[in-house]
Amino acid sequence: MQEQENHFIVTANLTSDVKLSSVARLSESELNKVLIGFGKTKMRRAIEYVAMHPGELTHIVRSQSGCSNISEAFRNANKRLLNVGLMVVCQPQKGKGRTQDVHHWYLIHAPLVKVKVQHASNDPR
């Protein structure tokens, strides 16, 4: 019996290296199409701000969007953004400790990673 391979998207909110080629450069109309399901929420304003200002620091994104818990908002937003091949990721600022909440935020094209999945022995396939 041949093994079937299924491929899934694997993502993470924190990344150690963001390549400039993966940063999503969307026009205002493209961004509006992507964010149509978000309504007029603080989460939407935060995503719009990060899309227009890639690499911005956490405290600036917070103040410009009015969203106090940026990391949680982006974690929830990524579940919907992945449907259109985008995601928001953060990169820690160099020279700051892990306890200091200072990150650079980017809207990027979601990377695709192939993961081999094996079926159970009692699976009739």
Protein backbone atom coordinates (compact mmCIF):
# COMPACT_ATOMS: atom_id res chain seq x y z
CA MET A 1 0.00 0.00 0.00
CA GLN A 2 1.35 3.41 -0.95
CA GLU A 3 1.58 6.09 1.66
CA GLN A 4 -0.37 9.23 0.90
CA GLU A 5 1.12 12.58 1.77
CA ASN A 6 -0.96 15.50 2.95
CA HIS A 7 0.58 18.95 3.12
CA PHE A 8 -0.45 21.50 5.69
CA ILE A 9 0.45 25.11 6.37
CA VAL A 10 2.63 25.48 9.46
CA THR A 11 2.89 28.95 10.95
CA ALA A 12 4.22 30.75 13.99
CA ASN A 13 3.64 34.26 15.34
CA LEU A 14 7.27 34.80 16.39
CA THR A 15 10.01 34.62 13.80
CA SER A 16 13.71 35.24 14.22
CA ASP A 17 14.30 36.49 10.67
CA VAL A 18 11.96 38.38 8.35
CA LYS A 19 13.09 38.62 4.74
CA LEU A 20 12.18 41.82 2.95
CA SER A 21 11.00 39.76 -0.03
CA SER A 22 8.30 38.10 2.10
CA VAL A 23 6.82 41.38 3.40
CA ALA A 24 3.39 41.87 1.83
CA ARG A 25 3.15 45.12 -0.14
CA LEU A 26 -0.57 45.60 -0.69
CA SER A 27 -2.37 48.54 -2.22
CA GLU A 28 -5.11 50.17 -0.19
CA SER A 29 -7.85 48.47 -2.24
CA GLU A 30 -6.19 45.03 -1.90
CA LEU A 31 -5.84 45.53 1.84
CA ASN A 32 -9.51 46.52 2.13
CA LYS A 33 -10.54 43.32 0.31
CA VAL A 34 -8.43 41.23 2.69
CA LEU A 35 -9.82 42.96 5.78
CA ILE A 36 -13.48 43.09 4.76
CA GLY A 37 -14.46 40.49 7.39
CA PHE A 38 -12.82 42.38 10.26
CA GLY A 39 -15.33 45.26 10.34
CA LYS A 40 -14.20 48.47 12.05
CA THR A 41 -12.35 46.93 14.96
CA LYS A 42 -9.11 47.77 16.75
CA MET A 43 -7.68 44.56 15.30
CA ARG A 44 -8.36 45.82 11.77
CA ARG A 45 -6.72 49.17 12.53
CA ALA A 46 -3.67 47.36 13.92
CA ILE A 47 -3.36 45.17 10.80
CA GLU A 48 -3.78 48.19 8.53
CA TYR A 49 -1.09 50.08 10.42
CA VAL A 50 1.38 47.17 10.28
CA ALA A 51 0.67 46.70 6.56
CA MET A 52 1.39 50.36 5.83
CA HIS A 53 4.35 50.62 8.27
CA PRO A 54 6.29 47.31 8.22
CA GLY A 55 8.81 46.88 11.01
CA GLU A 56 7.07 49.24 13.42
CA LEU A 57 7.61 48.69 17.15
CA THR A 58 4.98 47.24 19.48
CA HIS A 59 4.31 50.40 21.51
CA ILE A 60 3.80 52.49 18.36
CA VAL A 61 1.36 49.96 16.85
CA ARG A 62 -0.52 49.96 20.18
CA SER A 63 -0.83 53.73 20.30
CA GLN A 64 -1.78 54.14 16.62
CA SER A 65 -4.42 51.39 16.59
CA GLY A 66 -5.82 51.73 20.12
CA CYS A 67 -5.40 47.98 20.62
CA SER A 68 -3.81 47.19 23.99
CA ASN A 69 -2.98 43.49 23.50
CA ILE A 70 -1.29 43.45 20.08
CA SER A 71 0.14 39.93 20.26
CA GLU A 72 -3.21 38.35 21.12
CA ALA A 73 -5.02 40.39 18.47
CA PHE A 74 -2.56 39.31 15.78
CA ARG A 75 -2.66 35.69 16.94
CA ASN A 76 -6.44 35.72 16.47
CA ALA A 77 -6.21 37.66 13.20
CA ASN A 78 -3.72 35.20 11.71
CA LYS A 79 -6.36 32.46 11.81
CA ARG A 80 -8.39 34.49 9.29
CA LEU A 81 -5.49 36.05 7.39
CA LEU A 82 -4.07 32.61 6.56
CA ASN A 83 -7.15 31.99 4.41
CA VAL A 84 -5.82 34.62 1.98
CA GLY A 85 -2.14 33.64 2.35
CA LEU A 86 -1.06 36.40 4.74
CA MET A 87 0.00 36.54 8.36
CA VAL A 88 1.32 39.04 10.89
CA VAL A 89 4.63 38.10 12.53
CA CYS A 90 6.93 39.76 15.02
CA GLN A 91 10.68 39.92 15.29
CA PRO A 92 12.30 40.69 18.65
CA GLN A 93 14.24 43.94 18.82
CA LYS A 94 17.94 43.28 19.16
CA GLY A 95 19.50 44.19 22.48
CA LYS A 96 16.28 43.86 24.51
CA GLY A 97 15.56 41.15 27.07
CA ARG A 98 12.87 38.52 26.67
CA THR A 99 10.71 40.12 29.36
CA GLN A 100 10.59 43.45 27.55
CA ASP A 101 7.70 43.45 25.08
CA VAL A 102 9.50 45.20 22.21
CA HIS A 103 9.06 43.64 18.76
CA HIS A 104 9.04 44.71 15.13
CA TRP A 105 5.76 43.74 13.39
CA TYR A 106 5.32 42.71 9.74
CA LEU A 107 2.47 41.61 7.47
CA ILE A 108 4.01 38.87 5.31
CA HIS A 109 3.02 36.29 2.74
CA ALA A 110 2.51 33.08 4.73
CA PRO A 111 5.26 30.50 4.19
CA LEU A 112 4.19 27.05 3.09
CA VAL A 113 5.89 24.11 4.75
CA LYS A 114 5.37 20.53 3.61
CA VAL A 115 4.68 18.15 6.48
CA LYS A 116 4.41 14.42 5.87
CA VAL A 117 1.35 12.86 7.53
CA GLN A 118 1.02 9.10 7.91
CA HIS A 119 -2.30 7.37 8.30
CA ALA A 120 -3.17 5.10 11.19
CA SER A 121 -2.76 1.34 10.71
CA ASN A 122 -6.53 0.80 11.02
CA ASP A 123 -7.35 3.47 8.42
CA PRO A 124 -9.06 1.75 5.43
CA ARG A 125 -7.39 4.04 2.85
